[in-house]
């Protein structure tokens, strides 16, 4: 059986992140199913950053912008954020990992306090209690003491904090290069054994620092 993952999109800046990640995750042979939740806040950010949504939902717009094949779309099951009876709301439905991408400050605080009034928060809480990977792609700067304390609390409970910080060592000047490098790290944190491009990984320097 392949991997079953949840991708939870919340209302922080950075909608290119879930679009790119969904494109690469759904193309990975080891991934069998992806459960996608797009919060109302995420739909608002998506509209401001990338899309003229018209009558489409945030989920529909995000999937359209990902430009997925029919085979990729067949792996994705979408859920409304108020669908508290969804499969991923229960730990008896086994997932192999959950990513909150991007993770807003409000979502971070709610997860840290145990609040679970939406499917996004419930799915995050389930990942914590079941002990499977929960990757929080926190997209906020500068960090306040409240942010740091919430991150400390969640890290202590087993979550992985993966802010979208550029990996400058991969070189290049395109956004695509940054998104590839970040998604590779997301793969690693979710336990996906795949290297998209060897040049995205640090391979060590040439020579020693003492050489002139």
Protein backbone atom coordinates (compact mmCIF):
# COMPACT_ATOMS: atom_id res chain seq x y z
CA UNK A 1 0.00 0.00 0.00
CA UNK A 2 1.26 3.48 -0.87
CA UNK A 3 1.44 6.52 1.36
CA UNK A 4 -1.70 8.35 2.45
CA UNK A 5 -1.11 12.00 3.30
CA UNK A 6 -3.08 15.10 4.25
CA UNK A 7 -2.28 18.58 2.95
CA UNK A 8 -3.97 21.32 4.97
CA UNK A 9 -3.82 24.80 3.43
CA UNK A 10 -4.39 27.72 5.81
CA UNK A 11 -4.57 31.49 5.50
CA UNK A 12 -0.93 32.53 5.40
CA UNK A 13 0.93 34.09 2.50
CA UNK A 14 2.63 31.65 0.14
CA UNK A 15 -0.03 29.90 -1.98
CA UNK A 16 2.62 28.83 -4.49
CA UNK A 17 3.86 26.41 -1.81
CA UNK A 18 0.82 24.08 -1.71
CA UNK A 19 0.32 24.36 -5.47
CA UNK A 20 3.87 23.19 -6.12
CA UNK A 21 3.78 20.54 -3.39
CA UNK A 22 0.51 19.04 -4.64
CA UNK A 23 1.94 18.86 -8.16
CA UNK A 24 5.02 16.93 -7.00
CA UNK A 25 3.35 14.82 -4.30
CA UNK A 26 0.60 13.59 -6.61
CA UNK A 27 3.20 12.69 -9.25
CA UNK A 28 5.19 10.54 -6.80
CA UNK A 29 4.60 6.82 -7.31
CA UNK A 30 4.87 6.05 -3.59
CA UNK A 31 1.95 8.38 -2.79
CA UNK A 32 -1.38 6.60 -3.04
CA UNK A 33 -3.78 9.24 -1.72
CA UNK A 34 -3.79 12.91 -0.79
CA UNK A 35 -6.47 14.49 1.38
CA UNK A 36 -6.74 18.22 0.70
CA UNK A 37 -8.38 20.84 2.93
CA UNK A 38 -8.37 24.53 1.99
CA UNK A 39 -9.55 26.86 4.75
CA UNK A 40 -11.67 29.97 4.14
CA UNK A 41 -8.68 32.10 5.11
CA UNK A 42 -6.51 30.27 2.57
CA UNK A 43 -9.10 30.91 -0.16
CA UNK A 44 -8.93 34.65 0.61
CA UNK A 45 -5.13 34.68 0.44
CA UNK A 46 -5.21 32.66 -2.79
CA UNK A 47 -7.55 35.19 -4.36
CA UNK A 48 -5.30 38.11 -3.37
CA UNK A 49 -2.02 36.45 -4.38
CA UNK A 50 -2.76 34.44 -7.48
CA UNK A 51 -6.30 33.98 -8.72
CA UNK A 52 -9.45 35.62 -10.00
CA UNK A 53 -11.70 32.98 -8.52
CA UNK A 54 -15.13 34.02 -9.77
CA UNK A 55 -17.64 31.40 -8.65
CA UNK A 56 -14.99 28.78 -7.99
CA UNK A 57 -14.03 27.64 -4.51
CA UNK A 58 -10.55 28.04 -3.13
CA UNK A 59 -10.03 24.30 -3.53
CA UNK A 60 -11.08 24.35 -7.18
CA UNK A 61 -8.82 27.32 -7.93
CA UNK A 62 -5.84 25.78 -6.19
CA UNK A 63 -6.19 22.48 -8.05
CA UNK A 64 -6.65 24.26 -11.36
CA UNK A 65 -3.48 26.27 -10.82
CA UNK A 66 -1.56 23.07 -9.98
CA UNK A 67 -2.29 21.85 -13.55
CA UNK A 68 -2.60 18.19 -12.59
CA UNK A 69 -3.19 15.27 -14.91
CA UNK A 70 -6.26 13.08 -14.55
CA UNK A 71 -4.09 10.42 -12.87
CA UNK A 72 -2.82 12.96 -10.35
CA UNK A 73 -6.31 14.32 -9.64
CA UNK A 74 -7.55 10.77 -9.04
CA UNK A 75 -5.25 10.57 -6.00
CA UNK A 76 -6.73 13.69 -4.37
CA UNK A 77 -9.78 13.70 -2.11
CA UNK A 78 -10.98 17.16 -1.11
CA UNK A 79 -12.76 18.11 2.11
CA UNK A 80 -14.44 21.31 3.29
CA UNK A 81 -12.93 22.78 6.45
CA UNK A 82 -16.25 22.40 8.27
CA UNK A 83 -16.51 18.70 7.34
CA UNK A 84 -15.85 17.44 10.84
CA UNK A 85 -17.06 13.93 9.97
CA UNK A 86 -14.44 13.49 7.23
CA UNK A 87 -12.27 10.38 7.29
CA UNK A 88 -9.17 12.36 8.34
CA UNK A 89 -10.98 13.68 11.43
CA UNK A 90 -10.39 10.32 13.13
CA UNK A 91 -7.21 8.52 14.08
CA UNK A 92 -8.83 5.24 13.09
CA UNK A 93 -8.30 6.33 9.48
CA UNK A 94 -4.56 5.86 9.19
CA UNK A 95 -2.40 8.49 7.51
CA UNK A 96 1.34 8.40 6.96
CA UNK A 97 1.82 12.14 7.41
CA UNK A 98 0.13 15.52 7.56
CA UNK A 99 1.44 18.86 6.29
CA UNK A 100 -0.01 22.28 7.12
CA UNK A 101 1.18 24.27 4.12
CA UNK A 102 1.38 27.17 4.63
CA UNK A 103 0.69 27.31 8.35
CA UNK A 104 -0.78 30.59 9.62
CA UNK A 105 -0.05 32.06 13.03
CA UNK A 106 -3.67 31.47 14.04
CA UNK A 107 -3.46 27.80 13.07
CA UNK A 108 -0.18 27.44 14.94
CA UNK A 109 -1.70 28.92 18.09
CA UNK A 110 -4.86 26.83 17.86
CA UNK A 111 -2.89 23.60 17.43
CA UNK A 112 -0.67 24.52 20.37
CA UNK A 113 -3.70 25.14 22.59
CA UNK A 114 -5.56 22.00 21.51
CA UNK A 115 -8.42 23.85 19.83
CA UNK A 116 -10.01 21.73 17.07
CA UNK A 117 -13.09 23.53 15.79
CA UNK A 118 -12.31 22.96 12.10
CA UNK A 119 -11.26 19.95 10.06
CA UNK A 120 -7.79 21.47 9.58
CA UNK A 121 -7.28 21.76 13.32
CA UNK A 122 -8.85 18.39 14.02
CA UNK A 123 -6.61 16.66 11.45
CA UNK A 124 -3.57 18.36 12.95
CA UNK A 125 -4.59 17.29 16.45
CA UNK A 126 -5.11 13.72 15.26
CA UNK A 127 -1.59 13.62 13.79
CA UNK A 128 -0.17 14.79 17.12
CA UNK A 129 -2.07 12.26 19.21
CA UNK A 130 -1.35 9.37 16.82
CA UNK A 131 2.32 10.24 16.57
CA UNK A 132 2.61 10.33 12.80
CA UNK A 133 4.55 13.13 11.07
CA UNK A 134 2.97 16.57 11.40
CA UNK A 135 4.90 19.15 9.38
CA UNK A 136 4.05 22.79 10.09
CA UNK A 137 5.21 25.10 7.33
CA UNK A 138 4.95 28.27 9.40
CA UNK A 139 4.98 31.36 7.20
CA UNK A 140 5.38 34.44 9.39
CA UNK A 141 8.18 36.91 10.18
CA UNK A 142 9.42 38.42 12.38
CA UNK A 143 8.71 35.88 15.09
CA UNK A 144 7.06 37.13 18.25
CA UNK A 145 7.51 35.50 21.63
CA UNK A 146 4.03 34.04 21.23
CA UNK A 147 5.04 32.39 17.93
CA UNK A 148 8.23 31.01 19.47
CA UNK A 149 6.40 29.64 22.50
CA UNK A 150 3.75 27.99 20.32
CA UNK A 151 6.45 26.44 18.12
CA UNK A 152 8.34 25.23 21.19
CA UNK A 153 5.18 23.64 22.58
CA UNK A 154 4.34 21.88 19.30
CA UNK A 155 7.92 20.71 18.73
CA UNK A 156 7.89 19.21 22.24
CA UNK A 157 4.74 17.30 21.28
CA UNK A 158 6.38 15.90 18.16
CA UNK A 159 5.56 18.32 15.33
CA UNK A 160 8.22 19.29 12.78
CA UNK A 161 8.58 23.03 12.12
CA UNK A 162 9.58 23.63 8.49
CA UNK A 163 9.44 27.37 7.69
CA UNK A 164 9.81 28.12 3.95
CA UNK A 165 13.34 29.51 4.29
CA UNK A 166 15.31 29.70 1.01
CA UNK A 167 18.10 27.13 0.64
CA UNK A 168 20.58 29.54 -0.93
CA UNK A 169 23.15 26.80 -1.51
CA UNK A 170 21.07 25.24 -4.31
CA UNK A 171 21.83 28.27 -6.49
CA UNK A 172 19.72 29.70 -9.24
CA UNK A 173 17.51 32.76 -9.26
CA UNK A 174 14.09 31.34 -10.13
CA UNK A 175 11.18 30.83 -7.77
CA UNK A 176 10.79 27.33 -9.24
CA UNK A 177 14.21 26.36 -7.92
CA UNK A 178 13.32 27.51 -4.40
CA UNK A 179 9.98 25.68 -4.52
CA UNK A 180 11.66 22.46 -5.69
CA UNK A 181 14.23 22.64 -2.86
CA UNK A 182 11.56 23.32 -0.26
CA UNK A 183 9.33 20.51 -1.50
CA UNK A 184 12.30 18.14 -1.35
CA UNK A 185 12.65 18.98 2.34
CA UNK A 186 8.91 18.42 2.78
CA UNK A 187 9.31 14.99 1.15
CA UNK A 188 12.08 14.18 3.63
CA UNK A 189 10.01 15.27 6.65
CA UNK A 190 7.00 13.22 5.48
CA UNK A 191 9.15 10.11 5.02
CA UNK A 192 8.93 10.03 1.23
CA UNK A 193 12.03 8.23 -0.01
CA UNK A 194 12.63 10.16 -3.23
CA UNK A 195 15.22 12.62 -4.50
CA UNK A 196 13.73 14.85 -7.14
CA UNK A 197 17.07 16.33 -8.22
CA UNK A 198 20.46 15.52 -6.61
CA UNK A 199 21.56 19.14 -7.07
CA UNK A 200 18.91 20.22 -4.55
CA UNK A 201 20.92 18.53 -1.78
CA UNK A 202 24.03 19.96 -0.13
CA UNK A 203 27.05 18.02 -1.34
CA UNK A 204 29.82 19.68 0.68
CA UNK A 205 32.25 22.42 -0.15
CA UNK A 206 35.33 22.26 -2.34
CA UNK A 207 38.60 22.54 -0.45
CA UNK A 208 38.97 23.77 3.13
CA UNK A 209 38.08 27.08 4.72
CA UNK A 210 41.76 27.61 5.48
CA UNK A 211 42.76 27.82 1.82
CA UNK A 212 43.30 31.25 0.32
